[in-house]
């Protein structure tokens, strides 16, 4: 199954192959000419994706000559990931790396800027859609009414389906309990999966305890770092 997602940064809010956006809010803390922001990312601490978020923050400080300092927090460290959109708007922190699938129910276009099952098979194709086929403009417009600024997407490769059971055919998913969000939740429901949009931080524990059978949650590398295997179907 091809699962396209994107993760982005948003100032005050954020955006899966995997796309995650960076999103920014209007508030900030200034001290002696230095602007200080807090940014909550999507990933667990100690994982490779989180290390890249930390490098991003360090790079921004370097390029700004130290005038913009962004302190990174791992996913769920300040608020649950699915609540980051409202938390940024409310001023809990200034920037977030988010997943638009969390807000697809409120903003329909986020279904296409997050996870697209059976979408682009290669990450560079999804990236081309963003930068050459209007995807970036659509994403930016989607955050305007919320008072947030969409910066850019981060494009990852295909995400796996983490599964407790063997899956060889789509029909094998019928009757299973699964964690999915965004467009993926609608597609999986059509396949007969009992979908539960669990918070990101609860996915692996829910799999371990047998509360769910399958889940879409992060890339393979992040899962392995946390001691979880993954089967891609």
C-alpha atoms as a PDB file:
ATOM      1  CA  UNK A   1       0.000   0.000   0.000  1.00  0.00           C
ATOM      2  CA  UNK A   2       1.391   3.362  -0.969  1.00  0.00           C
ATOM      3  CA  UNK A   3       0.914   5.945   1.720  1.00  0.00           C
ATOM      4  CA  UNK A   4       1.767   9.518   0.879  1.00  0.00           C
ATOM      5  CA  UNK A   5       2.189  11.895   3.717  1.00  0.00           C
ATOM      6  CA  UNK A   6       3.806  15.173   4.421  1.00  0.00           C
ATOM      7  CA  UNK A   7       5.054  16.830   7.580  1.00  0.00           C
ATOM      8  CA  UNK A   8       5.426  20.615   7.658  1.00  0.00           C
ATOM      9  CA  UNK A   9       6.280  23.505   9.941  1.00  0.00           C
ATOM     10  CA  UNK A  10       3.690  26.128  10.879  1.00  0.00           C
ATOM     11  CA  UNK A  11       4.273  29.231  12.897  1.00  0.00           C
ATOM     12  CA  UNK A  12       1.713  28.610  15.531  1.00  0.00           C
ATOM     13  CA  UNK A  13       0.613  25.439  13.745  1.00  0.00           C
ATOM     14  CA  UNK A  14       1.964  22.798  11.420  1.00  0.00           C
ATOM     15  CA  UNK A  15       1.588  19.984   8.616  1.00  0.00           C
ATOM     16  CA  UNK A  16       2.694  12.198   5.248  1.00  0.00           C
ATOM     17  CA  UNK A  17       4.555   9.505   1.085  1.00  0.00           C
ATOM     18  CA  UNK A  18       4.726  11.397   4.523  1.00  0.00           C
ATOM     19  CA  UNK A  19       4.454  15.165   4.544  1.00  0.00           C
ATOM     20  CA  UNK A  20       4.830  17.266   7.629  1.00  0.00           C
ATOM     21  CA  UNK A  21       4.572  21.052   7.595  1.00  0.00           C
ATOM     22  CA  UNK A  22       6.141  23.754   9.665  1.00  0.00           C
ATOM     23  CA  UNK A  23       3.624  26.302  10.929  1.00  0.00           C
ATOM     24  CA  UNK A  24       4.071  29.570  12.796  1.00  0.00           C
ATOM     25  CA  UNK A  25       1.888  31.751  15.026  1.00  0.00           C
ATOM     26  CA  UNK A  26       2.158  35.484  15.547  1.00  0.00           C
ATOM     27  CA  UNK A  27       3.325  35.638  19.164  1.00  0.00           C
ATOM     28  CA  UNK A  28       6.955  35.561  20.251  1.00  0.00           C
ATOM     29  CA  UNK A  29       9.233  36.346  23.170  1.00  0.00           C
ATOM     30  CA  UNK A  30      11.891  39.013  22.695  1.00  0.00           C
ATOM     31  CA  UNK A  31      14.862  39.559  24.963  1.00  0.00           C
ATOM     32  CA  UNK A  32      17.691  42.018  24.198  1.00  0.00           C
ATOM     33  CA  UNK A  33      17.169  41.857  20.450  1.00  0.00           C
ATOM     34  CA  UNK A  34      16.713  38.080  20.415  1.00  0.00           C
ATOM     35  CA  UNK A  35      13.408  36.476  19.408  1.00  0.00           C
ATOM     36  CA  UNK A  36      12.790  33.201  21.215  1.00  0.00           C
ATOM     37  CA  UNK A  37      10.296  30.615  19.973  1.00  0.00           C
ATOM     38  CA  UNK A  38       9.284  27.180  21.134  1.00  0.00           C
ATOM     39  CA  UNK A  39       8.534  24.536  18.515  1.00  0.00           C
ATOM     40  CA  UNK A  40       6.839  21.204  19.131  1.00  0.00           C
ATOM     41  CA  UNK A  41       7.781  18.555  16.586  1.00  0.00           C
ATOM     42  CA  UNK A  42       6.068  15.282  15.691  1.00  0.00           C
ATOM     43  CA  UNK A  43       8.745  12.832  16.649  1.00  0.00           C
ATOM     44  CA  UNK A  44       9.812  11.087  19.829  1.00  0.00           C
ATOM     45  CA  UNK A  45      13.031  12.222  21.453  1.00  0.00           C
ATOM     46  CA  UNK A  46      16.166  10.347  20.445  1.00  0.00           C
ATOM     47  CA  UNK A  47      14.896   9.347  16.990  1.00  0.00           C
ATOM     48  CA  UNK A  48      16.593  10.298  13.722  1.00  0.00           C
ATOM     49  CA  UNK A  49      13.681  12.504  12.534  1.00  0.00           C
ATOM     50  CA  UNK A  50      13.798  14.446  15.810  1.00  0.00           C
ATOM     51  CA  UNK A  51      17.543  14.920  15.407  1.00  0.00           C
ATOM     52  CA  UNK A  52      16.846  16.654  12.080  1.00  0.00           C
ATOM     53  CA  UNK A  53      14.348  18.969  13.763  1.00  0.00           C
ATOM     54  CA  UNK A  54      17.038  19.911  16.262  1.00  0.00           C
ATOM     55  CA  UNK A  55      19.472  20.567  13.410  1.00  0.00           C
ATOM     56  CA  UNK A  56      16.858  22.763  11.744  1.00  0.00           C
ATOM     57  CA  UNK A  57      16.548  24.914  14.871  1.00  0.00           C
ATOM     58  CA  UNK A  58      20.316  25.220  15.168  1.00  0.00           C
ATOM     59  CA  UNK A  59      20.558  26.200  11.491  1.00  0.00           C
ATOM     60  CA  UNK A  60      17.934  28.927  11.876  1.00  0.00           C
ATOM     61  CA  UNK A  61      19.844  30.404  14.804  1.00  0.00           C
ATOM     62  CA  UNK A  62      23.054  30.315  12.785  1.00  0.00           C
ATOM     63  CA  UNK A  63      21.557  31.950   9.698  1.00  0.00           C
ATOM     64  CA  UNK A  64      19.826  34.630  11.781  1.00  0.00           C
ATOM     65  CA  UNK A  65      23.033  35.542  13.538  1.00  0.00           C
ATOM     66  CA  UNK A  66      21.543  34.403  16.815  1.00  0.00           C
ATOM     67  CA  UNK A  67      18.582  36.774  16.641  1.00  0.00           C
ATOM     68  CA  UNK A  68      16.022  33.963  16.229  1.00  0.00           C
ATOM     69  CA  UNK A  69      16.306  31.079  18.651  1.00  0.00           C
ATOM     70  CA  UNK A  70      13.917  28.122  18.354  1.00  0.00           C
ATOM     71  CA  UNK A  71      13.795  25.605  21.177  1.00  0.00           C
ATOM     72  CA  UNK A  72      12.619  22.197  19.911  1.00  0.00           C
ATOM     73  CA  UNK A  73      10.314  19.905  21.874  1.00  0.00           C
ATOM     74  CA  UNK A  74       9.551  16.323  20.886  1.00  0.00           C
ATOM     75  CA  UNK A  75       6.097  15.164  19.871  1.00  0.00           C
ATOM     76  CA  UNK A  76       3.584  15.399  22.715  1.00  0.00           C
ATOM     77  CA  UNK A  77       6.085  16.989  25.087  1.00  0.00           C
ATOM     78  CA  UNK A  78       3.963  20.133  25.492  1.00  0.00           C
ATOM     79  CA  UNK A  79       0.558  18.993  24.207  1.00  0.00           C
ATOM     80  CA  UNK A  80      -0.647  15.848  22.380  1.00  0.00           C
ATOM     81  CA  UNK A  81       0.270  16.094  18.691  1.00  0.00           C
ATOM     82  CA  UNK A  82      -3.359  16.226  17.548  1.00  0.00           C
ATOM     83  CA  UNK A  83      -3.899  19.296  19.739  1.00  0.00           C
ATOM     84  CA  UNK A  84      -0.919  21.284  18.427  1.00  0.00           C
ATOM     85  CA  UNK A  85      -2.997  23.240  15.902  1.00  0.00           C
ATOM     86  CA  UNK A  86      -5.153  24.855  18.580  1.00  0.00           C
ATOM     87  CA  UNK A  87      -2.248  25.118  21.008  1.00  0.00           C
ATOM     88  CA  UNK A  88      -0.227  27.227  18.578  1.00  0.00           C
ATOM     89  CA  UNK A  89      -3.210  29.432  17.871  1.00  0.00           C
ATOM     90  CA  UNK A  90      -3.704  29.879  21.602  1.00  0.00           C
ATOM     91  CA  UNK A  91      -0.073  30.865  22.174  1.00  0.00           C
ATOM     92  CA  UNK A  92       1.135  27.745  23.992  1.00  0.00           C
ATOM     93  CA  UNK A  93       4.136  27.821  21.627  1.00  0.00           C
ATOM     94  CA  UNK A  94       5.052  29.724  18.483  1.00  0.00           C
ATOM     95  CA  UNK A  95       5.835  27.052  15.912  1.00  0.00           C
ATOM     96  CA  UNK A  96       5.021  23.451  15.206  1.00  0.00           C
ATOM     97  CA  UNK A  97       5.987  20.617  12.961  1.00  0.00           C
ATOM     98  CA  UNK A  98       2.632  19.016  12.350  1.00  0.00           C
ATOM     99  CA  UNK A  99       0.716  16.471  10.327  1.00  0.00           C
ATOM    100  CA  UNK A 100      -2.224  17.870   8.392  1.00  0.00           C
ATOM    101  CA  UNK A 101      -4.112  14.596   8.797  1.00  0.00           C
ATOM    102  CA  UNK A 102      -4.984  15.700  12.322  1.00  0.00           C
ATOM    103  CA  UNK A 103      -7.003  18.626  10.962  1.00  0.00           C
ATOM    104  CA  UNK A 104      -8.381  17.040   7.775  1.00  0.00           C
ATOM    105  CA  UNK A 105     -11.833  16.849   9.362  1.00  0.00           C
ATOM    106  CA  UNK A 106     -11.848  20.612   9.881  1.00  0.00           C
ATOM    107  CA  UNK A 107      -9.915  21.664   6.773  1.00  0.00           C
ATOM    108  CA  UNK A 108     -10.720  19.273   3.867  1.00  0.00           C
ATOM    109  CA  UNK A 109      -7.656  20.200   1.781  1.00  0.00           C
ATOM    110  CA  UNK A 110      -5.440  18.828   4.569  1.00  0.00           C
ATOM    111  CA  UNK A 111      -6.473  15.350   3.494  1.00  0.00           C
ATOM    112  CA  UNK A 112      -4.367  15.875   0.372  1.00  0.00           C
ATOM    113  CA  UNK A 113      -1.435  17.622   2.003  1.00  0.00           C
ATOM    114  CA  UNK A 114      -0.935  14.839   4.548  1.00  0.00           C
ATOM    115  CA  UNK A 115      -1.572  11.141   3.898  1.00  0.00           C
ATOM    116  CA  UNK A 116      -2.768   9.956   0.503  1.00  0.00           C
ATOM    117  CA  UNK A 117      -3.175   6.176   0.390  1.00  0.00           C
ATOM    118  CA  UNK A 118      -2.224   4.807  -3.043  1.00  0.00           C
ATOM    119  CA  UNK A 119      -0.924   8.288  -3.899  1.00  0.00           C
ATOM    120  CA  UNK A 120       2.499   9.220  -5.252  1.00  0.00           C
ATOM    121  CA  UNK A 121       4.800   6.172  -5.077  1.00  0.00           C
ATOM    122  CA  UNK A 122       7.945   8.302  -4.768  1.00  0.00           C
ATOM    123  CA  UNK A 123       8.717  11.161  -2.394  1.00  0.00           C
ATOM    124  CA  UNK A 124      10.119  13.386  -5.145  1.00  0.00           C
ATOM    125  CA  UNK A 125       6.784  13.156  -7.001  1.00  0.00           C
ATOM    126  CA  UNK A 126       4.951  14.452  -3.943  1.00  0.00           C
ATOM    127  CA  UNK A 127       7.545  17.186  -3.589  1.00  0.00           C
ATOM    128  CA  UNK A 128       7.062  18.153  -7.239  1.00  0.00           C
ATOM    129  CA  UNK A 129       3.327  18.489  -6.603  1.00  0.00           C
ATOM    130  CA  UNK A 130       4.043  20.908  -3.785  1.00  0.00           C
ATOM    131  CA  UNK A 131       6.528  23.101  -5.623  1.00  0.00           C
ATOM    132  CA  UNK A 132       5.445  22.868  -9.272  1.00  0.00           C
ATOM    133  CA  UNK A 133       1.753  21.931  -9.295  1.00  0.00           C
ATOM    134  CA  UNK A 134       0.220  24.305  -6.751  1.00  0.00           C
ATOM    135  CA  UNK A 135       0.344  22.176  -3.621  1.00  0.00           C
ATOM    136  CA  UNK A 136       2.348  24.711  -1.616  1.00  0.00           C
ATOM    137  CA  UNK A 137      -0.033  27.549  -2.492  1.00  0.00           C
ATOM    138  CA  UNK A 138      -3.014  25.417  -1.493  1.00  0.00           C
ATOM    139  CA  UNK A 139      -1.396  24.537   1.816  1.00  0.00           C
ATOM    140  CA  UNK A 140      -0.579  28.174   2.579  1.00  0.00           C
ATOM    141  CA  UNK A 141      -4.156  29.269   1.857  1.00  0.00           C
ATOM    142  CA  UNK A 142      -5.525  26.572   4.141  1.00  0.00           C
ATOM    143  CA  UNK A 143      -3.905  28.169   7.199  1.00  0.00           C
ATOM    144  CA  UNK A 144      -4.786  31.804   6.526  1.00  0.00           C
ATOM    145  CA  UNK A 145      -8.209  31.752   8.187  1.00  0.00           C
ATOM    146  CA  UNK A 146      -6.638  30.232  11.315  1.00  0.00           C
ATOM    147  CA  UNK A 147      -4.188  33.125  11.544  1.00  0.00           C
ATOM    148  CA  UNK A 148      -1.215  30.839  10.970  1.00  0.00           C
ATOM    149  CA  UNK A 149       1.657  30.920   8.491  1.00  0.00           C
ATOM    150  CA  UNK A 150       2.531  27.730   6.648  1.00  0.00           C
ATOM    151  CA  UNK A 151       6.242  27.648   5.870  1.00  0.00           C
ATOM    152  CA  UNK A 152       7.038  24.487   3.903  1.00  0.00           C
ATOM    153  CA  UNK A 153       6.573  20.719   3.833  1.00  0.00           C
ATOM    154  CA  UNK A 154       9.083  18.056   4.748  1.00  0.00           C
ATOM    155  CA  UNK A 155       8.676  15.071   2.442  1.00  0.00           C
ATOM    156  CA  UNK A 156       9.505  11.607   3.737  1.00  0.00           C
ATOM    157  CA  UNK A 157       9.312   8.239   2.043  1.00  0.00           C
ATOM    158  CA  UNK A 158       6.470   5.772   2.265  1.00  0.00           C
ATOM    159  CA  UNK A 159       5.291   4.928   5.736  1.00  0.00           C
ATOM    160  CA  UNK A 160       4.719   1.340   6.785  1.00  0.00           C
ATOM    161  CA  UNK A 161       1.695  -0.272   8.305  1.00  0.00           C
ATOM    162  CA  UNK A 162       2.700  -1.507  11.752  1.00  0.00           C
ATOM    163  CA  UNK A 163       0.858  -4.776  12.277  1.00  0.00           C
ATOM    164  CA  UNK A 164       0.413  -7.460  14.921  1.00  0.00           C
ATOM    165  CA  UNK A 165      -0.992  -9.856  12.333  1.00  0.00           C
ATOM    166  CA  UNK A 166       0.056 -11.071   8.909  1.00  0.00           C
ATOM    167  CA  UNK A 167      -1.507  -9.131   6.035  1.00  0.00           C
ATOM    168  CA  UNK A 168      -1.116 -10.416   2.491  1.00  0.00           C
ATOM    169  CA  UNK A 169      -4.226  -8.980   0.859  1.00  0.00           C
ATOM    170  CA  UNK A 170      -6.376  -5.907   1.379  1.00  0.00           C
ATOM    171  CA  UNK A 171      -9.257  -8.215   2.315  1.00  0.00           C
ATOM    172  CA  UNK A 172      -7.201  -9.390   5.310  1.00  0.00           C
ATOM    173  CA  UNK A 173      -7.749  -5.984   6.921  1.00  0.00           C
ATOM    174  CA  UNK A 174     -11.503  -6.440   7.280  1.00  0.00           C
ATOM    175  CA  UNK A 175     -12.473  -6.751  10.915  1.00  0.00           C
ATOM    176  CA  UNK A 176      -9.154  -5.492  12.266  1.00  0.00           C
ATOM    177  CA  UNK A 177      -8.837  -2.572  14.659  1.00  0.00           C
ATOM    178  CA  UNK A 178      -6.536   0.150  13.346  1.00  0.00           C
ATOM    179  CA  UNK A 179      -5.177   3.607  14.082  1.00  0.00           C
ATOM    180  CA  UNK A 180      -5.317   5.939  11.079  1.00  0.00           C
ATOM    181  CA  UNK A 181      -6.004   9.644  10.534  1.00  0.00           C
ATOM    182  CA  UNK A 182      -6.876  11.892   7.589  1.00  0.00           C
ATOM    183  CA  UNK A 183      -7.739  10.319   4.241  1.00  0.00           C
ATOM    184  CA  UNK A 184      -6.220   7.054   5.431  1.00  0.00           C
ATOM    185  CA  UNK A 185      -8.949   6.695   8.063  1.00  0.00           C
ATOM    186  CA  UNK A 186     -11.673   6.968   5.402  1.00  0.00           C
ATOM    187  CA  UNK A 187      -9.940   4.476   3.087  1.00  0.00           C
ATOM    188  CA  UNK A 188      -9.303   1.973   5.859  1.00  0.00           C
ATOM    189  CA  UNK A 189     -12.899   2.221   7.047  1.00  0.00           C
ATOM    190  CA  UNK A 190     -13.988   1.258   3.517  1.00  0.00           C
ATOM    191  CA  UNK A 191     -11.700  -1.787   3.809  1.00  0.00           C
ATOM    192  CA  UNK A 192     -13.635  -2.862   6.904  1.00  0.00           C
ATOM    193  CA  UNK A 193     -11.149  -1.630   9.520  1.00  0.00           C
ATOM    194  CA  UNK A 194     -12.544  -0.323  12.803  1.00  0.00           C
ATOM    195  CA  UNK A 195     -10.635   2.957  12.838  1.00  0.00           C
ATOM    196  CA  UNK A 196      -9.530   4.766  15.990  1.00  0.00           C
ATOM    197  CA  UNK A 197      -7.627   8.096  15.633  1.00  0.00           C
ATOM    198  CA  UNK A 198      -5.380   7.530  18.655  1.00  0.00           C
ATOM    199  CA  UNK A 199      -2.882  10.254  19.604  1.00  0.00           C
ATOM    200  CA  UNK A 200       0.567   9.633  18.126  1.00  0.00           C
ATOM    201  CA  UNK A 201       2.189   8.951  21.473  1.00  0.00           C
ATOM    202  CA  UNK A 202      -0.254   6.130  22.284  1.00  0.00           C
ATOM    203  CA  UNK A 203       0.113   4.092  19.083  1.00  0.00           C
ATOM    204  CA  UNK A 204       2.954   1.741  20.002  1.00  0.00           C
ATOM    205  CA  UNK A 205       1.622   1.029  23.487  1.00  0.00           C
ATOM    206  CA  UNK A 206      -1.819   0.321  22.003  1.00  0.00           C
ATOM    207  CA  UNK A 207      -0.232  -2.164  19.576  1.00  0.00           C
ATOM    208  CA  UNK A 208       1.728  -3.826  22.379  1.00  0.00           C
ATOM    209  CA  UNK A 209      -1.391  -4.188  24.512  1.00  0.00           C
ATOM    210  CA  UNK A 210      -3.514  -5.489  21.638  1.00  0.00           C
ATOM    211  CA  UNK A 211      -5.942  -2.566  21.730  1.00  0.00           C
ATOM    212  CA  UNK A 212      -5.365  -2.183  17.985  1.00  0.00           C
ATOM    213  CA  UNK A 213      -4.109  -4.624  15.356  1.00  0.00           C
ATOM    214  CA  UNK A 214      -2.607  -2.280  12.766  1.00  0.00           C
ATOM    215  CA  UNK A 215      -1.497   1.334  12.672  1.00  0.00           C
ATOM    216  CA  UNK A 216      -0.027   4.058  10.533  1.00  0.00           C
ATOM    217  CA  UNK A 217       2.507   5.827  12.724  1.00  0.00           C
ATOM    218  CA  UNK A 218       5.770   7.413  11.617  1.00  0.00           C
ATOM    219  CA  UNK A 219       8.563   6.081   9.459  1.00  0.00           C
ATOM    220  CA  UNK A 220      10.395   2.763   9.839  1.00  0.00           C
ATOM    221  CA  UNK A 221      13.534   4.356  11.273  1.00  0.00           C
ATOM    222  CA  UNK A 222      11.662   6.078  14.090  1.00  0.00           C
ATOM    223  CA  UNK A 223       9.880   2.850  14.971  1.00  0.00           C
ATOM    224  CA  UNK A 224      13.086   0.802  15.066  1.00  0.00           C
ATOM    225  CA  UNK A 225      14.750   3.408  17.290  1.00  0.00           C
ATOM    226  CA  UNK A 226      11.930   2.906  19.771  1.00  0.00           C
ATOM    227  CA  UNK A 227      12.292  -0.876  19.633  1.00  0.00           C
ATOM    228  CA  UNK A 228       9.314  -1.594  17.390  1.00  0.00           C
ATOM    229  CA  UNK A 229       9.396  -3.677  14.249  1.00  0.00           C
ATOM    230  CA  UNK A 230       7.224  -2.821  11.237  1.00  0.00           C
ATOM    231  CA  UNK A 231       5.702  -4.816   8.423  1.00  0.00           C
ATOM    232  CA  UNK A 232       4.978  -2.981   5.203  1.00  0.00           C
ATOM    233  CA  UNK A 233       2.116  -4.320   3.114  1.00  0.00           C
END
